[in-house]
N, C-alpha and C. Protein backbone atom coordinates (compact mmCIF):
# COMPACT_ATOMS: atom_id res chain seq x y z
N MET A 1 23.15 16.92 -12.07
CA MET A 1 21.75 16.69 -12.33
C MET A 1 21.47 15.18 -12.39
N VAL A 2 20.38 14.74 -11.75
CA VAL A 2 20.02 13.33 -11.72
C VAL A 2 19.32 13.00 -13.04
N GLN A 3 19.69 11.88 -13.63
CA GLN A 3 19.05 11.43 -14.89
C GLN A 3 17.60 11.03 -14.65
N LYS A 4 16.70 11.47 -15.51
CA LYS A 4 15.30 11.06 -15.39
C LYS A 4 15.16 9.61 -15.85
N LEU A 5 14.51 8.80 -15.06
CA LEU A 5 14.36 7.39 -15.31
C LEU A 5 12.90 7.05 -15.71
N ASN A 6 12.70 5.88 -16.21
CA ASN A 6 11.40 5.45 -16.73
C ASN A 6 10.40 5.21 -15.60
N VAL A 7 10.85 4.83 -14.41
CA VAL A 7 9.93 4.47 -13.28
C VAL A 7 9.66 5.77 -12.48
N GLU A 8 8.40 6.11 -12.36
CA GLU A 8 7.96 7.36 -11.70
C GLU A 8 8.57 7.49 -10.33
N SER A 9 8.58 6.42 -9.50
CA SER A 9 9.05 6.58 -8.15
C SER A 9 10.55 6.79 -8.10
N PHE A 10 11.30 6.41 -9.14
CA PHE A 10 12.73 6.68 -9.19
C PHE A 10 13.03 8.14 -9.42
N ASN A 11 12.03 8.89 -9.90
CA ASN A 11 12.16 10.30 -10.15
C ASN A 11 11.66 11.14 -8.98
N LEU A 12 11.12 10.49 -7.95
CA LEU A 12 10.68 11.18 -6.76
C LEU A 12 11.83 11.37 -5.80
N ASP A 13 12.03 12.58 -5.34
CA ASP A 13 13.12 12.85 -4.37
C ASP A 13 12.67 12.29 -3.01
N HIS A 14 13.22 11.13 -2.70
CA HIS A 14 12.88 10.42 -1.45
C HIS A 14 13.45 11.12 -0.23
N THR A 15 14.33 12.12 -0.41
CA THR A 15 14.80 12.87 0.75
C THR A 15 13.91 13.98 1.12
N LYS A 16 12.91 14.32 0.25
CA LYS A 16 12.02 15.42 0.55
C LYS A 16 10.62 15.00 0.98
N VAL A 17 10.26 13.77 0.77
CA VAL A 17 8.91 13.30 1.16
C VAL A 17 8.82 13.11 2.67
N LYS A 18 7.59 13.16 3.18
CA LYS A 18 7.36 13.05 4.62
C LYS A 18 6.27 12.01 4.86
N ALA A 19 6.74 10.79 5.18
CA ALA A 19 5.82 9.69 5.43
C ALA A 19 5.19 9.84 6.86
N PRO A 20 4.03 9.32 7.04
CA PRO A 20 3.19 8.53 6.11
C PRO A 20 2.38 9.43 5.18
N TYR A 21 2.08 8.94 4.02
CA TYR A 21 1.29 9.67 3.06
C TYR A 21 0.65 8.71 2.04
N ILE A 22 -0.32 9.23 1.32
CA ILE A 22 -0.91 8.55 0.17
C ILE A 22 -0.92 9.51 -0.96
N ARG A 23 -0.29 9.11 -2.06
CA ARG A 23 -0.23 10.01 -3.23
C ARG A 23 -0.48 9.25 -4.52
N LEU A 24 -1.04 9.93 -5.49
CA LEU A 24 -1.23 9.36 -6.83
C LEU A 24 0.16 9.30 -7.46
N ALA A 25 0.63 8.09 -7.81
CA ALA A 25 1.96 7.92 -8.37
C ALA A 25 1.95 7.74 -9.87
N GLY A 26 0.77 7.49 -10.45
CA GLY A 26 0.71 7.31 -11.89
C GLY A 26 -0.70 6.99 -12.39
N LYS A 27 -0.88 7.20 -13.69
CA LYS A 27 -2.16 6.95 -14.30
C LYS A 27 -1.87 6.46 -15.74
N MET A 28 -2.50 5.36 -16.14
CA MET A 28 -2.28 4.80 -17.45
C MET A 28 -3.67 4.59 -18.08
N LYS A 29 -3.75 4.85 -19.41
CA LYS A 29 -4.98 4.54 -20.16
C LYS A 29 -4.79 3.38 -21.01
N GLY A 30 -5.69 2.40 -20.93
CA GLY A 30 -5.61 1.23 -21.77
C GLY A 30 -6.20 1.44 -23.11
N LEU A 31 -5.98 0.52 -24.03
CA LEU A 31 -6.43 0.61 -25.41
C LEU A 31 -7.95 0.71 -25.54
N ASN A 32 -8.67 0.17 -24.53
CA ASN A 32 -10.18 0.25 -24.56
C ASN A 32 -10.71 1.34 -23.68
N GLY A 33 -9.86 2.28 -23.26
CA GLY A 33 -10.33 3.43 -22.49
C GLY A 33 -10.29 3.27 -21.01
N ASP A 34 -10.03 2.06 -20.49
CA ASP A 34 -9.88 1.83 -19.04
C ASP A 34 -8.69 2.65 -18.54
N GLU A 35 -8.84 3.17 -17.36
CA GLU A 35 -7.73 3.89 -16.73
C GLU A 35 -7.30 3.17 -15.48
N VAL A 36 -5.97 3.00 -15.29
CA VAL A 36 -5.44 2.42 -14.07
C VAL A 36 -4.69 3.51 -13.33
N TYR A 37 -5.02 3.63 -12.05
CA TYR A 37 -4.41 4.61 -11.18
C TYR A 37 -3.54 3.85 -10.16
N LYS A 38 -2.31 4.30 -10.02
CA LYS A 38 -1.38 3.69 -9.06
C LYS A 38 -1.12 4.71 -7.95
N TYR A 39 -1.40 4.25 -6.71
CA TYR A 39 -1.18 5.08 -5.50
C TYR A 39 -0.02 4.55 -4.70
N ASP A 40 0.77 5.43 -4.18
CA ASP A 40 1.90 5.20 -3.29
C ASP A 40 1.36 5.36 -1.87
N LEU A 41 1.27 4.20 -1.17
CA LEU A 41 0.85 4.21 0.20
C LEU A 41 2.12 4.10 1.06
N ARG A 42 2.66 5.23 1.48
CA ARG A 42 3.95 5.22 2.13
C ARG A 42 3.77 5.15 3.68
N PHE A 43 4.17 4.07 4.24
CA PHE A 43 4.05 3.82 5.67
C PHE A 43 5.23 4.34 6.47
N LYS A 44 6.40 4.23 5.91
CA LYS A 44 7.66 4.57 6.64
C LYS A 44 8.48 5.62 5.90
N GLN A 45 9.23 6.41 6.61
CA GLN A 45 10.08 7.44 6.01
C GLN A 45 11.21 6.80 5.26
N PRO A 46 11.32 7.04 3.97
CA PRO A 46 12.36 6.48 3.16
C PRO A 46 13.76 6.74 3.73
N ASN A 47 14.60 5.74 3.72
CA ASN A 47 16.00 5.74 4.15
C ASN A 47 16.17 6.08 5.63
N LYS A 48 15.10 6.12 6.36
CA LYS A 48 15.17 6.33 7.84
C LYS A 48 14.59 5.13 8.63
N GLU A 49 13.52 4.56 8.07
CA GLU A 49 12.82 3.43 8.71
C GLU A 49 12.37 2.46 7.64
N HIS A 50 12.04 1.27 8.09
CA HIS A 50 11.47 0.27 7.13
C HIS A 50 10.62 -0.69 7.94
N MET A 51 9.83 -1.43 7.18
CA MET A 51 8.93 -2.46 7.79
C MET A 51 9.64 -3.81 7.72
N ASP A 52 9.39 -4.65 8.71
CA ASP A 52 9.97 -6.02 8.74
C ASP A 52 9.18 -6.88 7.76
N MET A 53 9.87 -7.80 7.11
CA MET A 53 9.28 -8.65 6.07
C MET A 53 8.08 -9.48 6.54
N PRO A 54 8.09 -10.15 7.69
CA PRO A 54 6.91 -10.90 8.03
C PRO A 54 5.66 -9.98 8.19
N ALA A 55 5.86 -8.79 8.73
CA ALA A 55 4.73 -7.86 8.89
C ALA A 55 4.28 -7.34 7.52
N ILE A 56 5.22 -7.01 6.62
CA ILE A 56 4.88 -6.59 5.24
C ILE A 56 4.05 -7.65 4.58
N HIS A 57 4.54 -8.87 4.67
CA HIS A 57 3.92 -9.98 3.98
C HIS A 57 2.49 -10.21 4.46
N SER A 58 2.33 -10.23 5.79
CA SER A 58 0.99 -10.43 6.34
C SER A 58 0.07 -9.24 5.99
N LEU A 59 0.56 -8.05 6.07
CA LEU A 59 -0.28 -6.89 5.72
C LEU A 59 -0.65 -6.94 4.25
N GLU A 60 0.27 -7.37 3.41
CA GLU A 60 -0.08 -7.54 1.99
C GLU A 60 -1.21 -8.52 1.83
N HIS A 61 -1.16 -9.69 2.43
CA HIS A 61 -2.23 -10.67 2.33
C HIS A 61 -3.57 -10.09 2.85
N LEU A 62 -3.49 -9.45 3.98
CA LEU A 62 -4.70 -8.87 4.58
C LEU A 62 -5.32 -7.78 3.70
N MET A 63 -4.49 -6.84 3.29
CA MET A 63 -5.02 -5.74 2.44
C MET A 63 -5.51 -6.26 1.12
N ALA A 64 -4.84 -7.24 0.51
CA ALA A 64 -5.29 -7.76 -0.78
C ALA A 64 -6.63 -8.40 -0.62
N GLU A 65 -6.85 -9.19 0.43
CA GLU A 65 -8.14 -9.85 0.63
C GLU A 65 -9.20 -8.88 1.06
N ILE A 66 -8.95 -8.06 2.05
CA ILE A 66 -9.95 -7.14 2.60
C ILE A 66 -10.37 -6.09 1.57
N SER A 67 -9.44 -5.60 0.78
CA SER A 67 -9.76 -4.53 -0.18
C SER A 67 -10.86 -4.92 -1.14
N ARG A 68 -10.90 -6.21 -1.47
CA ARG A 68 -11.91 -6.65 -2.44
C ARG A 68 -13.27 -6.78 -1.80
N ASN A 69 -13.37 -6.65 -0.47
CA ASN A 69 -14.68 -6.54 0.16
C ASN A 69 -15.31 -5.18 -0.05
N TYR A 70 -14.48 -4.20 -0.39
CA TYR A 70 -14.87 -2.84 -0.61
C TYR A 70 -15.09 -2.42 -2.04
N SER A 71 -14.33 -3.08 -2.94
CA SER A 71 -14.40 -2.66 -4.34
C SER A 71 -13.98 -3.79 -5.29
N ASP A 72 -14.61 -3.81 -6.42
CA ASP A 72 -14.21 -4.74 -7.48
C ASP A 72 -13.26 -4.02 -8.47
N LYS A 73 -12.79 -2.87 -8.10
CA LYS A 73 -11.91 -2.10 -8.98
C LYS A 73 -10.43 -2.18 -8.56
N ILE A 74 -10.16 -3.02 -7.57
CA ILE A 74 -8.77 -3.18 -7.10
C ILE A 74 -8.05 -4.07 -8.10
N VAL A 75 -6.96 -3.54 -8.63
CA VAL A 75 -6.12 -4.34 -9.55
C VAL A 75 -5.10 -5.13 -8.71
N ASP A 76 -4.41 -4.40 -7.79
CA ASP A 76 -3.37 -5.02 -7.03
C ASP A 76 -2.92 -4.18 -5.87
N ILE A 77 -2.46 -4.82 -4.79
CA ILE A 77 -1.75 -4.13 -3.71
C ILE A 77 -0.40 -4.86 -3.58
N SER A 78 0.68 -4.12 -3.82
CA SER A 78 2.01 -4.71 -3.88
C SER A 78 2.97 -4.04 -2.91
N PRO A 79 3.77 -4.78 -2.17
CA PRO A 79 4.75 -4.15 -1.29
C PRO A 79 5.89 -3.60 -2.11
N MET A 80 6.46 -2.49 -1.64
CA MET A 80 7.63 -1.89 -2.24
C MET A 80 8.87 -2.67 -1.80
N GLY A 81 9.79 -2.91 -2.68
CA GLY A 81 11.00 -3.61 -2.33
C GLY A 81 11.85 -2.92 -1.28
N CYS A 82 11.68 -1.59 -1.19
CA CYS A 82 12.45 -0.82 -0.19
C CYS A 82 11.86 -0.96 1.22
N GLN A 83 10.75 -1.66 1.34
CA GLN A 83 10.10 -1.96 2.59
C GLN A 83 9.57 -0.75 3.33
N THR A 84 9.14 0.29 2.57
CA THR A 84 8.64 1.46 3.18
C THR A 84 7.14 1.68 2.90
N GLY A 85 6.56 0.87 2.00
CA GLY A 85 5.15 1.03 1.72
C GLY A 85 4.63 0.05 0.72
N TYR A 86 3.52 0.40 0.09
CA TYR A 86 2.81 -0.46 -0.91
C TYR A 86 2.38 0.38 -2.05
N TYR A 87 2.12 -0.28 -3.19
CA TYR A 87 1.46 0.33 -4.31
C TYR A 87 0.07 -0.25 -4.37
N LEU A 88 -0.94 0.64 -4.48
CA LEU A 88 -2.34 0.24 -4.66
C LEU A 88 -2.74 0.67 -6.07
N SER A 89 -3.14 -0.29 -6.92
CA SER A 89 -3.55 0.05 -8.25
C SER A 89 -5.07 -0.28 -8.38
N VAL A 90 -5.75 0.69 -8.94
CA VAL A 90 -7.22 0.55 -9.11
C VAL A 90 -7.57 0.90 -10.59
N ILE A 91 -8.66 0.32 -11.04
CA ILE A 91 -9.06 0.58 -12.45
C ILE A 91 -10.27 1.53 -12.43
N ASN A 92 -10.22 2.41 -13.36
CA ASN A 92 -11.25 3.41 -13.63
C ASN A 92 -11.38 4.40 -12.41
N HIS A 93 -12.38 5.17 -12.39
CA HIS A 93 -12.37 6.38 -11.54
C HIS A 93 -12.60 6.06 -10.04
N PHE A 94 -11.67 6.60 -9.30
CA PHE A 94 -11.76 6.74 -7.86
C PHE A 94 -11.31 8.16 -7.59
N SER A 95 -11.98 8.88 -6.72
CA SER A 95 -11.45 10.19 -6.30
C SER A 95 -10.37 9.94 -5.29
N TYR A 96 -9.55 10.89 -5.08
CA TYR A 96 -8.51 10.82 -4.05
C TYR A 96 -9.13 10.57 -2.68
N GLU A 97 -10.24 11.27 -2.39
CA GLU A 97 -10.90 11.06 -1.09
C GLU A 97 -11.46 9.68 -1.00
N ASP A 98 -11.92 9.07 -2.11
CA ASP A 98 -12.35 7.69 -2.07
C ASP A 98 -11.23 6.73 -1.70
N ILE A 99 -10.03 7.00 -2.22
CA ILE A 99 -8.85 6.19 -1.93
C ILE A 99 -8.50 6.33 -0.44
N ILE A 100 -8.52 7.54 0.04
CA ILE A 100 -8.23 7.75 1.50
C ILE A 100 -9.21 6.94 2.34
N GLN A 101 -10.49 7.01 2.03
CA GLN A 101 -11.49 6.26 2.77
C GLN A 101 -11.31 4.76 2.63
N LEU A 102 -11.03 4.32 1.43
CA LEU A 102 -10.81 2.89 1.19
C LEU A 102 -9.64 2.37 2.05
N VAL A 103 -8.51 3.09 2.05
CA VAL A 103 -7.34 2.66 2.81
C VAL A 103 -7.66 2.67 4.30
N GLU A 104 -8.38 3.68 4.77
CA GLU A 104 -8.78 3.71 6.17
C GLU A 104 -9.65 2.52 6.52
N ASN A 105 -10.64 2.21 5.70
CA ASN A 105 -11.54 1.09 5.94
C ASN A 105 -10.73 -0.23 5.96
N ILE A 106 -9.84 -0.40 5.01
CA ILE A 106 -9.03 -1.62 4.96
C ILE A 106 -8.21 -1.81 6.23
N LEU A 107 -7.49 -0.73 6.62
CA LEU A 107 -6.64 -0.79 7.81
C LEU A 107 -7.40 -1.01 9.07
N GLU A 108 -8.62 -0.41 9.17
CA GLU A 108 -9.51 -0.67 10.34
C GLU A 108 -9.83 -2.13 10.40
N ASP A 109 -10.12 -2.76 9.25
CA ASP A 109 -10.47 -4.14 9.24
C ASP A 109 -9.24 -5.02 9.55
N VAL A 110 -8.06 -4.59 9.18
CA VAL A 110 -6.87 -5.31 9.52
C VAL A 110 -6.77 -5.43 11.04
N LEU A 111 -7.07 -4.36 11.73
CA LEU A 111 -7.01 -4.36 13.20
C LEU A 111 -7.92 -5.35 13.84
N LYS A 112 -9.02 -5.72 13.14
CA LYS A 112 -10.01 -6.72 13.64
C LYS A 112 -9.69 -8.14 13.25
N ALA A 113 -8.69 -8.34 12.37
CA ALA A 113 -8.42 -9.65 11.82
C ALA A 113 -7.94 -10.63 12.93
N THR A 114 -8.32 -11.85 12.77
CA THR A 114 -7.91 -12.87 13.73
C THR A 114 -6.95 -13.89 13.10
N GLU A 115 -6.78 -13.77 11.78
CA GLU A 115 -5.79 -14.58 11.07
C GLU A 115 -5.39 -13.93 9.78
N VAL A 116 -4.27 -14.41 9.21
CA VAL A 116 -3.81 -13.89 7.91
C VAL A 116 -4.35 -14.80 6.81
N PRO A 117 -5.11 -14.26 5.88
CA PRO A 117 -5.68 -15.16 4.85
C PRO A 117 -4.58 -15.73 3.94
N GLY A 118 -4.70 -16.96 3.56
CA GLY A 118 -3.80 -17.61 2.64
C GLY A 118 -2.43 -17.86 3.27
N CYS A 119 -2.39 -17.93 4.61
CA CYS A 119 -1.09 -18.11 5.33
C CYS A 119 -0.84 -19.62 5.55
N ASN A 120 -0.58 -20.28 4.47
CA ASN A 120 -0.28 -21.74 4.52
C ASN A 120 0.54 -22.12 3.25
N GLU A 121 1.14 -23.28 3.27
CA GLU A 121 1.99 -23.66 2.17
C GLU A 121 1.27 -23.91 0.86
N VAL A 122 0.01 -24.17 0.91
CA VAL A 122 -0.73 -24.37 -0.33
C VAL A 122 -0.99 -23.04 -1.03
N GLN A 123 -1.34 -21.99 -0.27
CA GLN A 123 -1.77 -20.74 -0.84
C GLN A 123 -0.71 -19.62 -0.81
N CYS A 124 0.49 -19.89 -0.26
CA CYS A 124 1.49 -18.87 -0.09
C CYS A 124 2.88 -19.42 -0.44
N GLY A 125 3.69 -18.63 -1.09
CA GLY A 125 5.01 -19.05 -1.46
C GLY A 125 6.05 -19.06 -0.38
N TRP A 126 5.79 -18.36 0.73
CA TRP A 126 6.66 -18.37 1.88
C TRP A 126 5.84 -18.21 3.13
N ALA A 127 5.09 -19.28 3.44
CA ALA A 127 4.09 -19.27 4.50
C ALA A 127 4.74 -19.10 5.90
N ALA A 128 6.00 -19.42 5.99
CA ALA A 128 6.69 -19.32 7.31
C ALA A 128 6.98 -17.87 7.70
N SER A 129 6.90 -16.97 6.68
CA SER A 129 7.20 -15.56 6.91
C SER A 129 5.98 -14.69 7.05
N HIS A 130 5.33 -14.75 8.20
CA HIS A 130 4.12 -13.96 8.48
C HIS A 130 4.12 -13.49 9.91
N SER A 131 3.43 -12.37 10.11
CA SER A 131 3.20 -11.83 11.47
C SER A 131 1.92 -11.03 11.51
N LEU A 132 0.86 -11.66 12.02
CA LEU A 132 -0.39 -10.95 12.20
C LEU A 132 -0.23 -9.76 13.08
N GLU A 133 0.45 -9.93 14.20
CA GLU A 133 0.66 -8.81 15.12
C GLU A 133 1.48 -7.69 14.51
N GLY A 134 2.49 -8.06 13.68
CA GLY A 134 3.26 -7.05 13.00
C GLY A 134 2.42 -6.28 11.99
N ALA A 135 1.57 -6.97 11.30
CA ALA A 135 0.64 -6.33 10.34
C ALA A 135 -0.27 -5.37 11.04
N LYS A 136 -0.80 -5.78 12.18
CA LYS A 136 -1.72 -4.92 12.97
C LYS A 136 -0.98 -3.69 13.48
N THR A 137 0.28 -3.86 13.90
CA THR A 137 1.06 -2.74 14.37
C THR A 137 1.23 -1.71 13.24
N LEU A 138 1.58 -2.20 12.05
CA LEU A 138 1.77 -1.29 10.87
C LEU A 138 0.45 -0.55 10.55
N ALA A 139 -0.64 -1.31 10.60
CA ALA A 139 -1.91 -0.71 10.31
C ALA A 139 -2.28 0.37 11.33
N LYS A 140 -2.05 0.07 12.59
CA LYS A 140 -2.35 1.06 13.67
C LYS A 140 -1.48 2.28 13.55
N GLU A 141 -0.19 2.07 13.28
CA GLU A 141 0.71 3.22 13.13
C GLU A 141 0.27 4.13 11.98
N MET A 142 -0.15 3.49 10.85
CA MET A 142 -0.62 4.30 9.68
C MET A 142 -1.87 5.04 10.06
N LEU A 143 -2.82 4.33 10.68
CA LEU A 143 -4.07 4.97 11.04
C LEU A 143 -3.90 6.08 12.06
N ASP A 144 -2.95 5.94 12.93
CA ASP A 144 -2.69 6.98 13.97
C ASP A 144 -2.21 8.27 13.31
N HIS A 145 -1.78 8.22 12.05
CA HIS A 145 -1.31 9.43 11.37
C HIS A 145 -2.15 9.75 10.14
N LYS A 146 -3.42 9.31 10.12
CA LYS A 146 -4.22 9.52 8.91
C LYS A 146 -4.48 10.99 8.59
N ASP A 147 -4.33 11.86 9.61
CA ASP A 147 -4.47 13.30 9.32
C ASP A 147 -3.25 13.84 8.50
N GLU A 148 -2.20 13.03 8.36
CA GLU A 148 -1.02 13.46 7.59
C GLU A 148 -0.97 12.84 6.20
N TRP A 149 -1.91 11.94 5.86
CA TRP A 149 -1.83 11.21 4.62
C TRP A 149 -1.83 12.06 3.36
N ARG A 150 -2.43 13.25 3.45
CA ARG A 150 -2.53 14.13 2.25
C ARG A 150 -1.30 14.99 2.04
N GLU A 151 -0.39 15.00 2.96
CA GLU A 151 0.81 15.84 2.89
C GLU A 151 2.03 14.95 2.50
N VAL A 152 2.47 15.11 1.24
CA VAL A 152 3.60 14.30 0.76
C VAL A 152 4.93 14.96 1.11
N PHE A 153 4.99 16.29 0.99
CA PHE A 153 6.24 16.99 1.21
C PHE A 153 6.13 17.90 2.45
């Protein structure tokens, strides 16, 4: 039997999930009643495929910037260390369908981008590691499978 760990995603059987998908990975309530929802935006099949770092990095910059055009409830969009997806954290209520639409809108805007925001040595800690085309490829691949996003297993 596998030991239950503190991190929700470590308790997810990565051999049973079917990427790409979007799933609610956690919910926390703050002392003042605010709720933070964390979504698993899985782009690649765990332990079978992964995203390249320059593409991950650029897509992170693009999604972080673009997402705030749609909502002031975005807390963070962070890449997973396993290079298979991102975590999207939002504050207070979003329906699952709102998250699906938000991600679709963001990725559609990524496809229209002409540059990576903050892609320079002043605004980025590793400005040499970017790929706009790689980010667009990841966005297109995810969008091409949006009818599968609701199916985790």
